[in-house]
């Protein structure tokens, strides 16, 4: 502990013994450092907060939901500090004064981009911060430029969201119109090619699928015609049976009973059996026919029966039979026509497969182009509606919560702290220089160091004895030293005072 104390006393004595060296070094470094600090321009910062409203009922109904609007805002926020937008800021503010060359503009844009921040404070709040400092301008001018930069960024932010969509919509509609025009030409060309092919190959109109559909439809129609024809033939046979059992004439004076009446009943029974569909080999039909033959002889032996008249029932049945015969004939003709059509369609399926494949390819190309054309038309109309809603309804609404602030004090550099730091470093460097010089000199500040260095015991030390003139000279030099030290501290106070006065002038 004693050694540490001795070393500390020795160091303090070495610095104090060379105090003028320490003070000179401190003055030199402080002057140099304060000059450098004075040359650093003050940077002033301006902030603004913007609230963005994203809720709109009509916009959500038309597909412009909350997520779409927020994506748009995020995109604008991220591109707000792009080179194009920063160039707009430079040209619209005093920063662009004197910039004539592209290289100068590039340098100004790069420098300004490092001084701008766009942050999202909350979900719908955005904070725009711009700082600016130029040594060629006054502090008041730098403060105004920082505020102007922030205001211009707000204008760009609003323009990109409110008016930027219009240009984007216009360019998108122009692109869609061009695409629709191109697709329309290609569609018309393919349609003409398809029509020309159908004119050359009428049998392939509609394609293979259409041919199969026609063939299946014809077969279905043929089955229906067969069913109708069978029903018509059955009806025709039934009316023939009824006519066979109905007498053509009616005898005016014929007796009611007798063999002739029995003959009429037997014939009616035979016709009834035939009408039921029984064949001639059926036992009932054979028995009824034999009975009719037996009664015919008995009726003939009865003699004449007087004059006969036309039977009205027979005439009616005759007209019905003619109608049903015509129906059977028409159905038979239709059946023959459908069978011929089926045969022709079946033959076409195998007659020209190359033409069928070509027609199928043309039809497929036409269908694809038509689908693309319809989709482009739908997209264009939807884009028009979305653009109208976005521009007229103003789905994204802005409100400047805090306008750009007017800077009252610089944010950088912290000049009072820098001035104090330079003073501290200057004093420390002066003390270090004095101590270093003392270490280089071959002198001993204490008897302990002398004893340690020589290895011999030190019996005592003689203090310095001054005359009255020497003491007066020492007091005068101490006054000069205190005055120089006080001047250094006073200069530090003056520089601090000037700094605060300049800040007050900006405010």
Protein backbone atom coordinates (compact mmCIF):
# COMPACT_ATOMS: atom_id res chain seq x y z
CA UNK A 1 0.00 0.00 0.00
CA UNK A 2 2.92 2.33 0.85
CA UNK A 3 4.48 1.66 -2.55
CA UNK A 4 1.23 2.55 -4.35
CA UNK A 5 0.99 5.75 -2.34
CA UNK A 6 4.57 6.63 -3.16
CA UNK A 7 4.03 5.96 -6.85
CA UNK A 8 0.94 8.14 -6.85
CA UNK A 9 2.78 10.97 -5.11
CA UNK A 10 5.60 10.59 -7.58
CA UNK A 11 3.24 10.79 -10.57
CA UNK A 12 1.44 13.83 -9.19
CA UNK A 13 4.74 15.56 -8.44
CA UNK A 14 6.00 14.76 -11.96
CA UNK A 15 2.89 16.28 -13.56
CA UNK A 16 2.85 19.26 -11.24
CA UNK A 17 6.54 19.88 -11.77
CA UNK A 18 5.87 20.08 -15.52
CA UNK A 19 2.48 21.78 -15.23
CA UNK A 20 3.22 24.29 -17.96
CA UNK A 21 3.82 21.46 -20.42
CA UNK A 22 0.54 19.82 -19.39
CA UNK A 23 -1.32 23.13 -19.71
CA UNK A 24 0.18 23.82 -23.12
CA UNK A 25 -0.75 20.41 -24.45
CA UNK A 26 -4.26 20.80 -23.01
CA UNK A 27 -4.65 24.21 -24.67
CA UNK A 28 -3.47 22.91 -28.03
CA UNK A 29 -5.66 19.83 -28.06
CA UNK A 30 -8.72 21.70 -26.77
CA UNK A 31 -8.38 24.41 -29.39
CA UNK A 32 -7.99 21.82 -32.13
CA UNK A 33 -10.83 19.66 -30.85
CA UNK A 34 -13.20 22.59 -30.33
CA UNK A 35 -12.44 23.79 -33.85
CA UNK A 36 -13.34 20.37 -35.23
CA UNK A 37 -16.55 20.31 -33.18
CA UNK A 38 -17.44 23.79 -34.40
CA UNK A 39 -17.03 22.64 -38.02
CA UNK A 40 -19.53 19.78 -37.60
CA UNK A 41 -22.89 21.10 -38.86
CA UNK A 42 -25.97 20.79 -36.73
CA UNK A 43 -28.57 18.29 -37.92
CA UNK A 44 -32.23 19.12 -37.33
CA UNK A 45 -34.97 16.51 -37.31
CA UNK A 46 -38.63 16.88 -38.25
CA UNK A 47 -41.31 14.27 -37.56
CA UNK A 48 -44.88 13.72 -38.70
CA UNK A 49 -47.50 11.10 -37.92
CA UNK A 50 -50.14 9.93 -40.37
CA UNK A 51 -53.27 7.93 -39.61
CA UNK A 52 -54.56 5.67 -42.38
CA UNK A 53 -58.18 4.47 -42.39
CA UNK A 54 -58.59 1.17 -44.21
CA UNK A 55 -62.27 0.32 -43.59
CA UNK A 56 -64.86 0.83 -46.33
CA UNK A 57 -68.00 -1.27 -46.84
CA UNK A 58 -68.30 -0.80 -50.61
CA UNK A 59 -64.62 -1.48 -51.15
CA UNK A 60 -64.83 -4.77 -49.27
CA UNK A 61 -67.94 -5.71 -51.27
CA UNK A 62 -66.05 -5.13 -54.52
CA UNK A 63 -63.00 -7.08 -53.38
CA UNK A 64 -60.89 -4.19 -52.08
CA UNK A 65 -60.61 -5.56 -48.58
CA UNK A 66 -58.52 -4.50 -45.61
CA UNK A 67 -55.62 -6.72 -46.61
CA UNK A 68 -55.47 -5.27 -50.16
CA UNK A 69 -55.39 -1.70 -48.88
CA UNK A 70 -52.78 -2.48 -46.24
CA UNK A 71 -50.60 -4.25 -48.82
CA UNK A 72 -50.80 -1.13 -50.96
CA UNK A 73 -49.79 1.09 -48.06
CA UNK A 74 -46.93 -1.20 -47.07
CA UNK A 75 -45.70 -1.17 -50.64
CA UNK A 76 -45.79 2.63 -50.77
CA UNK A 77 -44.13 2.87 -47.35
CA UNK A 78 -41.29 0.63 -48.50
CA UNK A 79 -40.82 2.48 -51.80
CA UNK A 80 -41.22 5.98 -50.31
CA UNK A 81 -37.46 6.29 -49.94
CA UNK A 82 -36.75 5.06 -53.46
CA UNK A 83 -34.40 7.02 -55.68
CA UNK A 84 -37.26 8.36 -57.81
CA UNK A 85 -39.19 9.74 -54.83
CA UNK A 86 -36.06 11.14 -53.19
CA UNK A 87 -35.22 12.93 -56.40
CA UNK A 88 -38.67 14.54 -56.26
CA UNK A 89 -37.91 15.67 -52.71
CA UNK A 90 -34.54 17.11 -53.70
CA UNK A 91 -36.00 19.07 -56.60
CA UNK A 92 -38.93 20.37 -54.53
CA UNK A 93 -36.79 21.64 -51.63
CA UNK A 94 -33.81 24.00 -51.34
CA UNK A 95 -31.56 20.93 -51.35
CA UNK A 96 -31.73 20.90 -55.15
CA UNK A 97 -30.45 24.48 -55.47
CA UNK A 98 -27.32 24.46 -57.56
CA UNK A 99 -27.60 20.81 -58.62
CA UNK A 100 -27.20 20.61 -62.37
CA UNK A 101 -25.27 17.41 -63.04
CA UNK A 102 -26.67 13.85 -62.73
CA UNK A 103 -23.72 12.90 -60.53
CA UNK A 104 -24.55 15.72 -58.12
CA UNK A 105 -28.18 14.61 -58.01
CA UNK A 106 -27.11 11.02 -57.32
CA UNK A 107 -24.95 12.14 -54.43
CA UNK A 108 -27.73 14.26 -52.97
CA UNK A 109 -30.22 11.39 -53.25
CA UNK A 110 -27.85 8.94 -51.55
CA UNK A 111 -27.12 11.39 -48.74
CA UNK A 112 -30.79 12.19 -48.19
CA UNK A 113 -31.79 8.51 -48.19
CA UNK A 114 -29.64 7.91 -45.10
CA UNK A 115 -31.46 10.68 -43.21
CA UNK A 116 -35.07 9.53 -43.79
CA UNK A 117 -36.97 6.87 -41.87
CA UNK A 118 -40.54 5.65 -42.40
CA UNK A 119 -41.79 3.50 -39.53
CA UNK A 120 -45.10 1.92 -38.59
CA UNK A 121 -45.92 3.09 -35.07
CA UNK A 122 -49.11 1.04 -34.80
CA UNK A 123 -51.36 -0.83 -37.21
CA UNK A 124 -52.71 2.33 -38.88
CA UNK A 125 -50.14 4.93 -37.79
CA UNK A 126 -47.03 5.82 -39.76
CA UNK A 127 -44.17 8.03 -38.55
CA UNK A 128 -42.06 9.90 -41.11
CA UNK A 129 -38.75 11.25 -39.78
CA UNK A 130 -36.34 13.42 -41.76
CA UNK A 131 -33.10 14.97 -40.54
CA UNK A 132 -30.91 17.46 -42.36
CA UNK A 133 -27.71 19.34 -41.69
CA UNK A 134 -25.48 21.27 -44.08
CA UNK A 135 -22.54 23.36 -42.98
CA UNK A 136 -23.09 25.84 -45.81
CA UNK A 137 -26.52 26.74 -44.42
CA UNK A 138 -27.50 28.39 -41.19
CA UNK A 139 -29.15 26.42 -38.43
CA UNK A 140 -32.49 28.05 -39.14
CA UNK A 141 -32.21 27.10 -42.83
CA UNK A 142 -31.35 23.50 -41.97
CA UNK A 143 -34.37 23.30 -39.64
CA UNK A 144 -36.70 24.61 -42.36
CA UNK A 145 -35.27 22.19 -44.92
CA UNK A 146 -35.86 19.24 -42.57
CA UNK A 147 -39.49 20.34 -42.17
CA UNK A 148 -39.88 20.80 -45.95
CA UNK A 149 -38.48 17.32 -46.61
CA UNK A 150 -40.99 15.77 -44.21
CA UNK A 151 -43.89 17.68 -45.77
CA UNK A 152 -42.87 16.60 -49.27
CA UNK A 153 -42.71 12.97 -48.13
CA UNK A 154 -46.26 13.29 -46.80
CA UNK A 155 -47.39 14.66 -50.16
CA UNK A 156 -45.73 11.78 -51.97
CA UNK A 157 -47.26 9.30 -49.52
CA UNK A 158 -50.72 10.71 -50.21
CA UNK A 159 -50.15 10.92 -53.96
CA UNK A 160 -48.93 7.35 -54.25
CA UNK A 161 -52.02 6.01 -52.46
CA UNK A 162 -54.77 8.33 -53.65
CA UNK A 163 -53.65 9.22 -57.15
CA UNK A 164 -51.08 6.54 -57.86
CA UNK A 165 -53.74 3.87 -58.32
CA UNK A 166 -55.27 5.84 -61.19
CA UNK A 167 -52.14 5.63 -63.26
CA UNK A 168 -51.72 1.99 -62.35
CA UNK A 169 -55.34 1.27 -63.30
CA UNK A 170 -54.96 3.16 -66.57
CA UNK A 171 -51.82 1.26 -67.55
CA UNK A 172 -53.43 -2.03 -66.56
CA UNK A 173 -56.54 -1.28 -68.63
CA UNK A 174 -54.38 -0.31 -71.60
CA UNK A 175 -52.50 -3.58 -71.32
CA UNK A 176 -55.75 -5.58 -71.07
CA UNK A 177 -57.25 -3.76 -74.05
CA UNK A 178 -54.18 -4.63 -76.13
CA UNK A 179 -54.36 -8.25 -75.05
CA UNK A 180 -58.08 -8.40 -75.82
CA UNK A 181 -57.51 -6.92 -79.29
CA UNK A 182 -54.80 -9.50 -80.02
CA UNK A 183 -56.96 -12.38 -78.76
CA UNK A 184 -59.89 -11.09 -80.79
CA UNK A 185 -57.84 -11.19 -84.00
CA UNK A 186 -56.57 -14.70 -83.25
CA UNK A 187 -60.09 -15.83 -82.37
CA UNK A 188 -61.52 -14.44 -85.59
CA UNK A 189 -58.79 -16.15 -87.63
CA UNK A 190 -59.38 -19.51 -85.93
CA UNK A 191 -63.16 -19.14 -86.34
CA UNK A 192 -62.81 -18.50 -90.07
CA UNK A 193 -60.56 -21.54 -90.37
CA UNK A 194 -63.10 -23.66 -88.50
CA UNK A 195 -66.00 -22.45 -90.65
CA UNK A 196 -64.03 -23.10 -93.86
CA UNK A 197 -63.20 -26.63 -92.69
CA UNK A 198 -66.85 -27.29 -91.83
CA UNK A 199 -67.87 -26.05 -95.27
CA UNK A 200 -65.45 -28.51 -96.89
CA UNK A 201 -66.40 -31.34 -94.52
CA UNK A 202 -70.05 -30.83 -93.52
CA UNK A 203 -70.24 -34.36 -92.14
CA UNK A 204 -67.67 -33.50 -89.48
CA UNK A 205 -69.44 -30.38 -88.23
CA UNK A 206 -69.43 -30.49 -84.49
CA UNK A 207 -66.49 -32.86 -84.16
CA UNK A 208 -66.25 -36.51 -83.12
CA UNK A 209 -68.17 -35.90 -79.92
CA UNK A 210 -70.98 -34.26 -81.83
CA UNK A 211 -71.02 -37.19 -84.30
CA UNK A 212 -71.33 -39.67 -81.47
CA UNK A 213 -74.11 -37.59 -79.95
CA UNK A 214 -75.94 -37.53 -83.30
CA UNK A 215 -75.52 -41.30 -83.68
CA UNK A 216 -76.83 -41.97 -80.18
CA UNK A 217 -79.73 -39.59 -80.74
CA UNK A 218 -80.61 -41.35 -84.01
CA UNK A 219 -80.53 -44.74 -82.32
CA UNK A 220 -82.77 -43.48 -79.54
CA UNK A 221 -85.13 -42.06 -82.13
CA UNK A 222 -85.14 -45.39 -84.00
CA UNK A 223 -86.12 -47.24 -80.84
CA UNK A 224 -88.98 -44.82 -80.33
CA UNK A 225 -90.13 -45.22 -83.93
CA UNK A 226 -90.06 -49.02 -83.59
CA UNK A 227 -92.25 -48.81 -80.50
CA UNK A 228 -94.67 -46.44 -82.24
CA UNK A 229 -94.71 -48.62 -85.37
CA UNK A 230 -95.49 -51.74 -83.38
CA UNK A 231 -98.35 -49.95 -81.65
CA UNK A 232 -99.66 -48.62 -84.99
CA UNK A 233 -99.53 -52.08 -86.60
CA UNK A 234 -101.38 -53.58 -83.65
CA UNK A 235 -104.06 -50.92 -83.94
CA UNK A 236 -104.31 -51.53 -87.67
CA UNK A 237 -104.74 -55.26 -87.11
CA UNK A 238 -107.38 -54.59 -84.48
CA UNK A 239 -109.41 -52.38 -86.81
CA UNK A 240 -109.17 -55.02 -89.53
CA UNK A 241 -110.55 -57.58 -87.10
CA UNK A 242 -113.43 -55.29 -86.20
CA UNK A 243 -114.23 -54.69 -89.87
CA UNK A 244 -114.16 -58.41 -90.55
CA UNK A 245 -116.85 -58.93 -87.92
CA UNK A 246 -118.98 -56.03 -89.08
CA UNK A 247 -121.40 -56.60 -92.05
CA UNK A 248 -121.02 -54.24 -94.92
CA UNK A 249 -124.82 -54.01 -95.47
CA UNK A 250 -127.84 -54.40 -93.31
CA UNK A 251 -130.88 -56.40 -94.68
CA UNK A 252 -134.01 -54.33 -94.46
CA UNK A 253 -136.69 -57.20 -93.98
CA UNK A 254 -134.60 -59.96 -92.53
CA UNK A 255 -136.14 -61.90 -89.60
CA UNK A 256 -134.70 -61.38 -86.20
CA UNK A 257 -134.17 -65.11 -85.38
CA UNK A 258 -133.55 -68.19 -87.50
CA UNK A 259 -130.36 -69.47 -89.14
CA UNK A 260 -129.36 -66.07 -90.50
CA UNK A 261 -129.39 -64.50 -87.03
CA UNK A 262 -127.35 -67.39 -85.63
CA UNK A 263 -124.92 -66.96 -88.53
CA UNK A 264 -124.47 -63.28 -87.71
CA UNK A 265 -123.79 -64.11 -84.05
CA UNK A 266 -121.26 -66.77 -85.00
CA UNK A 267 -119.42 -64.40 -87.36
CA UNK A 268 -119.36 -61.72 -84.68
CA UNK A 269 -117.89 -64.20 -82.21
CA UNK A 270 -115.24 -65.29 -84.75
CA UNK A 271 -114.26 -61.68 -85.45
CA UNK A 272 -114.03 -61.02 -81.73
CA UNK A 273 -111.61 -63.93 -81.29
CA UNK A 274 -109.46 -62.68 -84.16
CA UNK A 275 -109.50 -59.16 -82.70
CA UNK A 276 -108.15 -60.55 -79.48
CA UNK A 277 -105.07 -61.67 -81.44
CA UNK A 278 -105.83 -65.38 -81.60
CA UNK A 279 -104.34 -67.17 -84.59
CA UNK A 280 -106.28 -69.30 -87.07
CA UNK A 281 -104.87 -72.46 -85.47
CA UNK A 282 -106.33 -71.65 -82.10
CA UNK A 283 -109.01 -74.17 -81.03
CA UNK A 284 -111.59 -71.47 -80.29
CA UNK A 285 -111.02 -69.87 -83.67
CA UNK A 286 -111.30 -73.29 -85.43
CA UNK A 287 -114.54 -74.09 -83.58
CA UNK A 288 -116.03 -70.67 -84.37
CA UNK A 289 -115.05 -71.02 -88.04
CA UNK A 290 -116.65 -74.45 -88.32
CA UNK A 291 -119.82 -73.13 -86.71
CA UNK A 292 -119.95 -70.29 -89.25
CA UNK A 293 -119.64 -72.75 -92.17
CA UNK A 294 -122.41 -74.89 -90.74
CA UNK A 295 -124.73 -71.95 -90.27
CA UNK A 296 -123.98 -70.58 -93.74
CA UNK A 297 -125.68 -73.60 -95.33
CA UNK A 298 -128.70 -73.30 -93.06
CA UNK A 299 -128.97 -69.56 -93.74
CA UNK A 300 -128.79 -70.20 -97.50
CA UNK A 301 -131.68 -72.67 -97.31
CA UNK A 302 -133.87 -69.99 -95.74
CA UNK A 303 -133.89 -68.05 -98.99
CA UNK A 304 -133.58 -64.30 -99.74
CA UNK A 305 -133.92 -61.76 -97.08
CA UNK A 306 -134.95 -58.67 -98.95
CA UNK A 307 -132.93 -55.71 -100.09
CA UNK A 308 -129.88 -54.55 -97.96
CA UNK A 309 -128.60 -51.04 -97.02
CA UNK A 310 -125.00 -49.82 -96.23
CA UNK A 311 -123.97 -50.37 -92.60
CA UNK A 312 -122.92 -47.00 -90.99
CA UNK A 313 -120.63 -48.73 -88.47
CA UNK A 314 -118.76 -50.41 -91.30
CA UNK A 315 -118.19 -47.04 -93.03
CA UNK A 316 -116.84 -45.53 -89.82
CA UNK A 317 -114.47 -48.43 -89.32
CA UNK A 318 -113.31 -48.10 -92.88
CA UNK A 319 -112.21 -44.45 -92.36
CA UNK A 320 -110.42 -45.37 -89.12
CA UNK A 321 -108.60 -48.18 -90.93
CA UNK A 322 -107.44 -45.78 -93.66
CA UNK A 323 -106.10 -43.37 -91.04
CA UNK A 324 -104.23 -46.09 -89.20
CA UNK A 325 -102.84 -47.48 -92.42
CA UNK A 326 -101.45 -44.06 -93.29
CA UNK A 327 -99.87 -43.80 -89.81
CA UNK A 328 -98.21 -47.19 -90.25
CA UNK A 329 -96.89 -46.17 -93.65
CA UNK A 330 -95.47 -42.85 -92.30
CA UNK A 331 -93.74 -44.56 -89.40
CA UNK A 332 -92.25 -47.14 -91.73
CA UNK A 333 -90.88 -44.40 -93.99
CA UNK A 334 -89.44 -42.52 -91.00
CA UNK A 335 -87.85 -45.71 -89.71
CA UNK A 336 -86.16 -46.30 -93.05
CA UNK A 337 -84.83 -42.71 -93.07
CA UNK A 338 -83.41 -43.00 -89.55
CA UNK A 339 -81.78 -46.33 -90.37
CA UNK A 340 -80.14 -44.73 -93.40
CA UNK A 341 -78.87 -41.82 -91.25
CA UNK A 342 -77.45 -44.24 -88.68
CA UNK A 343 -75.65 -46.15 -91.39
CA UNK A 344 -74.20 -42.93 -92.79
CA UNK A 345 -72.99 -41.70 -89.36
CA UNK A 346 -71.45 -45.08 -88.59
CA UNK A 347 -69.58 -45.04 -91.88
CA UNK A 348 -68.27 -41.49 -91.22
CA UNK A 349 -66.59 -42.57 -88.01
CA UNK A 350 -64.09 -44.63 -89.99
CA UNK A 351 -64.07 -43.03 -93.43
CA UNK A 352 -61.64 -40.05 -92.79
CA UNK A 353 -59.84 -40.13 -89.40
CA UNK A 354 -57.21 -37.53 -90.46
CA UNK A 355 -59.87 -34.93 -91.21
CA UNK A 356 -61.64 -35.71 -87.96
CA UNK A 357 -58.39 -35.23 -86.00
CA UNK A 358 -57.69 -31.94 -87.80
CA UNK A 359 -61.18 -30.68 -87.08
CA UNK A 360 -60.80 -31.68 -83.44
CA UNK A 361 -57.52 -29.75 -83.19
CA UNK A 362 -59.05 -26.64 -84.77
CA UNK A 363 -62.04 -26.84 -82.46
CA UNK A 364 -59.81 -27.27 -79.41
CA UNK A 365 -57.73 -24.21 -80.35
CA UNK A 366 -60.87 -22.20 -80.87
CA UNK A 367 -62.31 -23.23 -77.49
CA UNK A 368 -59.07 -22.34 -75.67
CA UNK A 369 -58.87 -18.93 -77.34
CA UNK A 370 -62.54 -18.27 -76.64
CA UNK A 371 -62.06 -19.12 -72.98
CA UNK A 372 -59.04 -16.81 -72.71
CA UNK A 373 -60.90 -14.04 -74.52
CA UNK A 374 -63.91 -14.29 -72.20
CA UNK A 375 -61.63 -14.28 -69.14
CA UNK A 376 -59.83 -11.14 -70.35
CA UNK A 377 -63.17 -9.40 -70.88
CA UNK A 378 -64.27 -10.37 -67.38
CA UNK A 379 -60.98 -9.17 -65.88
CA UNK A 380 -61.21 -5.84 -67.67
CA UNK A 381 -64.74 -5.14 -66.42
CA UNK A 382 -63.80 -6.17 -62.91
CA UNK A 383 -60.71 -3.93 -63.02
CA UNK A 384 -62.82 -0.99 -64.20
CA UNK A 385 -65.23 -1.44 -61.30
CA UNK A 386 -62.42 -1.84 -58.78
CA UNK A 387 -60.70 1.24 -60.16
CA UNK A 388 -63.89 3.29 -59.95
CA UNK A 389 -64.46 2.21 -56.36
CA UNK A 390 -60.85 2.84 -55.39
CA UNK A 391 -60.75 6.33 -56.93
CA UNK A 392 -64.28 7.59 -56.25
CA UNK A 393 -65.05 5.99 -52.91
CA UNK A 394 -61.51 6.69 -51.68
CA UNK A 395 -61.16 3.41 -49.78
CA UNK A 396 -57.89 4.54 -48.21
CA UNK A 397 -58.34 7.77 -46.24
CA UNK A 398 -55.47 9.78 -44.80
CA UNK A 399 -55.35 12.05 -41.82
CA UNK A 400 -52.25 13.90 -40.69
CA UNK A 401 -52.31 13.47 -36.92
CA UNK A 402 -49.11 15.44 -36.24
CA UNK A 403 -47.95 17.81 -38.99
CA UNK A 404 -44.22 18.12 -39.64
CA UNK A 405 -42.62 19.57 -36.55
CA UNK A 406 -40.40 22.63 -36.66
CA UNK A 407 -37.06 21.64 -35.10
CA UNK A 408 -36.08 23.78 -32.11
CA UNK A 409 -32.77 22.16 -31.29
CA UNK A 410 -30.36 20.00 -33.24
CA UNK A 411 -30.48 16.25 -32.79
CA UNK A 412 -26.84 15.86 -33.77
CA UNK A 413 -24.19 16.46 -32.80
CA UNK A 414 -24.53 16.82 -29.03
CA UNK A 415 -22.22 19.81 -29.02
CA UNK A 416 -22.17 20.55 -25.26
CA UNK A 417 -21.19 16.97 -24.56
CA UNK A 418 -18.56 17.08 -27.29
CA UNK A 419 -17.11 20.32 -25.92
CA UNK A 420 -16.84 18.85 -22.46
CA UNK A 421 -15.34 15.66 -23.88
CA UNK A 422 -12.69 17.65 -25.75
CA UNK A 423 -11.84 19.57 -22.54
CA UNK A 424 -11.55 16.36 -20.58
CA UNK A 425 -9.41 14.72 -23.25
CA UNK A 426 -7.18 17.81 -23.51
CA UNK A 427 -6.54 17.90 -19.76
CA UNK A 428 -5.92 14.17 -19.70
CA UNK A 429 -3.54 14.39 -22.66
CA UNK A 430 -1.65 17.24 -20.98
CA UNK A 431 -1.22 15.30 -17.76
CA UNK A 432 -0.16 12.22 -19.71
CA UNK A 433 2.41 14.24 -21.68
CA UNK A 434 3.88 15.73 -18.50
CA UNK A 435 4.05 12.31 -16.83
CA UNK A 436 5.69 10.77 -19.92
CA UNK A 437 8.35 13.46 -20.04
CA UNK A 438 9.01 12.92 -16.32
CA UNK A 439 9.54 9.24 -16.94
CA UNK A 440 12.07 9.97 -19.66
CA UNK A 441 14.14 12.22 -17.39
CA UNK A 442 16.75 10.55 -15.09
CA UNK A 443 15.50 12.22 -11.89
CA UNK A 444 13.87 10.87 -8.77
CA UNK A 445 10.85 12.48 -7.23
CA UNK A 446 11.16 10.72 -3.83
CA UNK A 447 13.92 9.25 -1.65
CA UNK A 448 12.27 5.86 -1.87
CA UNK A 449 12.66 5.72 -5.65
CA UNK A 450 16.28 6.85 -5.33
CA UNK A 451 17.02 4.14 -2.72
CA UNK A 452 15.32 1.53 -4.91
CA UNK A 453 17.20 2.56 -8.01
CA UNK A 454 20.68 2.82 -6.36
CA UNK A 455 20.39 -0.11 -3.98
CA UNK A 456 21.91 1.99 -1.18
CA UNK A 457 20.23 3.45 1.88
CA UNK A 458 19.35 7.14 1.65
CA UNK A 459 20.15 8.96 4.85
CA UNK A 460 18.10 12.14 4.11
CA UNK A 461 16.92 14.76 1.61
CA UNK A 462 17.56 18.49 1.36
CA UNK A 463 14.53 20.64 0.53
CA UNK A 464 14.69 23.49 -1.96
CA UNK A 465 15.50 26.86 -0.47
CA UNK A 466 14.44 30.01 -2.33
CA UNK A 467 15.31 33.62 -1.85
CA UNK A 468 12.74 36.35 -1.63
CA UNK A 469 13.22 37.13 -5.31
CA UNK A 470 12.73 33.46 -6.21
CA UNK A 471 9.60 33.18 -4.11
CA UNK A 472 8.19 36.34 -5.76
CA UNK A 473 8.99 34.87 -9.20
CA UNK A 474 7.27 31.59 -8.22
CA UNK A 475 4.16 33.44 -7.04
CA UNK A 476 4.07 35.42 -10.28
CA UNK A 477 4.39 32.26 -12.37
CA UNK A 478 1.64 30.57 -10.35
CA UNK A 479 -0.62 33.52 -11.05
CA UNK A 480 0.10 33.13 -14.77
CA UNK A 481 -0.60 29.40 -14.54
CA UNK A 482 -3.90 29.92 -12.74
CA UNK A 483 -4.84 32.62 -15.23
CA UNK A 484 -4.09 30.35 -18.20
CA UNK A 485 -6.01 27.48 -16.61
CA UNK A 486 -8.93 29.77 -15.86
CA UNK A 487 -8.82 31.10 -19.42
CA UNK A 488 -9.14 27.53 -20.71
CA UNK A 489 -12.16 26.94 -18.49
CA UNK A 490 -13.59 30.32 -19.43
CA UNK A 491 -13.24 29.55 -23.11
CA UNK A 492 -15.15 26.34 -22.52
CA UNK A 493 -17.95 28.30 -20.80
CA UNK A 494 -18.02 30.84 -23.63
CA UNK A 495 -18.35 28.11 -26.24
CA UNK A 496 -21.22 26.54 -24.28
CA UNK A 497 -22.93 29.91 -24.04
CA UNK A 498 -22.58 30.51 -27.77
CA UNK A 499 -24.06 27.08 -28.48
CA UNK A 500 -27.16 27.72 -26.38
CA UNK A 501 -27.58 31.21 -27.85
CA UNK A 502 -27.52 29.74 -31.37
CA UNK A 503 -30.16 27.19 -30.37
CA UNK A 504 -32.30 29.97 -29.02
CA UNK A 505 -31.96 31.90 -32.28
CA UNK A 506 -33.26 28.84 -34.22
CA UNK A 507 -36.27 28.57 -31.89
